[in-house]
Structures are given as C-alpha cells and as structure tokens.
Amino acid sequence: MNEVQHIAAEIPGIPCDPDGPVFRAPWEAQAFAIVVALHNRGVFTWTEWAANLAEEIKRAQAAGDPDTGETYYHHWLAALERIAAQTGVADPATLTRYRAAWQHAAHRTPHGSPITLNTEDFAGE
C-alpha cells in the first residue's frame, strides 16, 4: 500500500477507486497534496485532520449541503484553511488575501485553461 492509499484508508469519505483517491479537478489534488505535506511536516496528526474535516462536513450538512460527494473537496479545502489558521501555518488575513487573488485569477482565465496566480492577481488589495 502506497502513502496515498494509506491516507485514503485513514480518512473516511475520500472519493476513491481501486488505485486510491480520485480528483475531479487539479485543485482537489493540490489541496490533498498540501494536507499530506503539512501532515508529513508534523503540523497535525491524521486524527486531528479527520476530526477537523468531519466538523467541516457536519457544518456544511447543517447548512444544507446535499452530501452527494461532489462537494467533498470544498469541505477539504475549508478544513485546510481552518487548520492552517489554527496551527499558525497561515493567518486569516493571508488566507483571505490568497482567496481573493485566486478569485481574480479565475475570472481572468479562459474557460478550460489552467488557473495560475500572478502578481497582478494580488493588485486589488
């Protein structure tokens, strides 16, 4: 069992096929990879991550999320942002800054093209 398959087994709910996690978009794989990297650096345990993710999913369900699996990595990203702030990896202002820059980059990127952050995406601060 490789590391990704091990992680998928440790954290219930990850969309998987027989080879491991399945991602609908590149950003989902990137969010997954960031969580793996932070865990490997000792920022949090898998138990802490799973609890944080479960809390985020419960919060979304309480707000009306249909829990069809299509929003799983949205919850993953929200949990990542929260645990990054809780552990001091990134402060809330930095997270807000990058979220705004990402939205700017998404609006300027033609449909179907990869979204990349450039210096200009931070200009609206």
Protein backbone atom coordinates (compact mmCIF):
# COMPACT_ATOMS: atom_id res chain seq x y z
CA MET A 1 0.00 0.00 0.00
CA ASN A 2 1.49 3.35 -1.03
CA GLU A 3 1.24 6.51 1.07
CA VAL A 4 -1.77 7.91 -0.80
CA GLN A 5 -3.69 4.63 -0.45
CA HIS A 6 -2.77 4.56 3.24
CA ILE A 7 -4.08 8.10 3.70
CA ALA A 8 -7.30 7.22 1.88
CA ALA A 9 -7.77 4.29 4.25
CA GLU A 10 -7.13 6.52 7.29
CA ILE A 11 -9.58 9.26 6.35
CA PRO A 12 -13.09 8.04 5.58
CA GLY A 13 -15.09 9.65 2.81
CA ILE A 14 -12.28 10.34 0.34
CA PRO A 15 -13.62 9.61 -3.16
CA CYS A 16 -11.56 6.61 -4.32
CA ASP A 17 -11.22 3.97 -6.97
CA PRO A 18 -9.10 0.80 -6.55
CA ASP A 19 -5.90 2.81 -7.13
CA GLY A 20 -6.61 5.46 -4.48
CA PRO A 21 -8.13 8.94 -4.33
CA VAL A 22 -9.98 10.31 -7.34
CA PHE A 23 -9.97 14.02 -8.13
CA ARG A 24 -12.44 15.88 -10.36
CA ALA A 25 -10.16 18.87 -10.84
CA PRO A 26 -6.47 19.72 -10.36
CA TRP A 27 -7.21 21.98 -7.37
CA GLU A 28 -8.64 18.98 -5.49
CA ALA A 29 -5.39 17.06 -5.95
CA GLN A 30 -3.42 20.14 -4.93
CA ALA A 31 -5.47 20.60 -1.75
CA PHE A 32 -4.99 16.90 -0.99
CA ALA A 33 -1.23 17.24 -1.52
CA ILE A 34 -1.00 20.28 0.76
CA VAL A 35 -2.70 18.36 3.56
CA VAL A 36 -0.33 15.42 3.06
CA ALA A 37 2.69 17.76 3.10
CA LEU A 38 1.55 19.51 6.28
CA HIS A 39 0.92 16.17 7.97
CA ASN A 40 4.35 14.90 6.89
CA ARG A 41 5.88 18.01 8.46
CA GLY A 42 4.15 17.23 11.75
CA VAL A 43 1.72 20.16 11.68
CA PHE A 44 -1.16 17.83 12.65
CA THR A 45 -1.96 14.15 13.07
CA TRP A 46 -4.37 12.24 10.86
CA THR A 47 -6.71 12.01 13.84
CA GLU A 48 -6.68 15.80 14.18
CA TRP A 49 -7.20 16.22 10.44
CA ALA A 50 -10.06 13.71 10.31
CA ALA A 51 -11.80 15.44 13.23
CA ASN A 52 -11.37 18.84 11.59
CA LEU A 53 -12.68 17.56 8.24
CA ALA A 54 -15.63 15.79 9.91
CA GLU A 55 -16.52 19.02 11.71
CA GLU A 56 -16.44 20.92 8.42
CA ILE A 57 -18.66 18.34 6.71
CA LYS A 58 -21.16 18.44 9.60
CA ARG A 59 -21.20 22.23 9.42
CA ALA A 60 -21.90 22.10 5.67
CA GLN A 61 -24.63 19.49 6.08
CA ALA A 62 -26.29 21.62 8.74
CA ALA A 63 -26.23 24.49 6.24
CA GLY A 64 -27.97 22.34 3.61
CA ASP A 65 -25.14 20.62 1.73
CA PRO A 66 -26.76 17.68 -0.14
CA ASP A 67 -23.81 15.38 0.73
CA THR A 68 -23.65 13.84 -2.75
CA GLY A 69 -19.85 13.67 -2.74
CA GLU A 70 -19.48 16.45 -5.29
CA THR A 71 -18.63 18.99 -2.60
CA TYR A 72 -16.21 16.77 -0.65
CA TYR A 73 -13.08 18.68 -1.62
CA HIS A 74 -14.78 22.01 -0.96
CA HIS A 75 -15.08 20.78 2.63
CA TRP A 76 -11.50 19.53 2.45
CA LEU A 77 -10.32 23.00 1.40
CA ALA A 78 -12.37 24.74 4.11
CA ALA A 79 -10.93 22.36 6.71
CA LEU A 80 -7.43 23.00 5.35
CA GLU A 81 -7.88 26.76 5.66
CA ARG A 82 -9.20 26.41 9.20
CA ILE A 83 -6.45 24.08 10.40
CA ALA A 84 -3.81 26.26 8.73
CA ALA A 85 -5.08 29.22 10.75
CA GLN A 86 -5.42 27.18 13.97
CA THR A 87 -1.87 25.86 13.75
CA GLY A 88 -0.32 29.16 12.70
CA VAL A 89 0.71 27.95 9.24
CA ALA A 90 -1.20 30.90 7.76
CA ASP A 91 -3.07 33.70 9.44
CA PRO A 92 -6.66 34.51 8.44
CA ALA A 93 -5.58 37.69 6.62
CA THR A 94 -3.18 35.73 4.40
CA LEU A 95 -5.87 33.17 3.63
CA THR A 96 -8.29 35.96 2.69
CA ARG A 97 -5.62 37.60 0.51
CA TYR A 98 -4.95 34.41 -1.43
CA ARG A 99 -8.66 33.57 -1.75
CA ALA A 100 -9.27 37.00 -3.33
CA ALA A 101 -6.26 36.60 -5.64
CA TRP A 102 -7.45 33.15 -6.67
CA GLN A 103 -10.90 34.52 -7.50
CA HIS A 104 -9.31 37.28 -9.57
CA ALA A 105 -7.17 34.72 -11.41
CA ALA A 106 -10.20 32.51 -12.06
CA HIS A 107 -12.12 35.45 -13.58
CA ARG A 108 -9.29 36.38 -15.96
CA THR A 109 -8.59 32.79 -17.06
CA PRO A 110 -10.39 31.48 -20.16
CA HIS A 111 -12.68 28.53 -19.52
CA GLY A 112 -10.82 25.24 -19.73
CA SER A 113 -7.38 26.76 -19.16
CA PRO A 114 -5.35 26.15 -16.01
CA ILE A 115 -5.62 28.88 -13.40
CA THR A 116 -2.32 30.34 -12.24
CA LEU A 117 -1.68 33.07 -9.70
CA ASN A 118 0.32 36.07 -10.91
CA THR A 119 1.45 39.23 -9.18
CA GLU A 120 -1.43 41.09 -10.87
CA ASP A 121 -3.93 38.91 -9.03
CA PHE A 122 -2.83 40.49 -5.76
CA ALA A 123 -3.07 44.07 -7.10
CA GLY A 124 -6.64 44.59 -5.91
CA GLU A 125 -5.62 44.55 -2.25
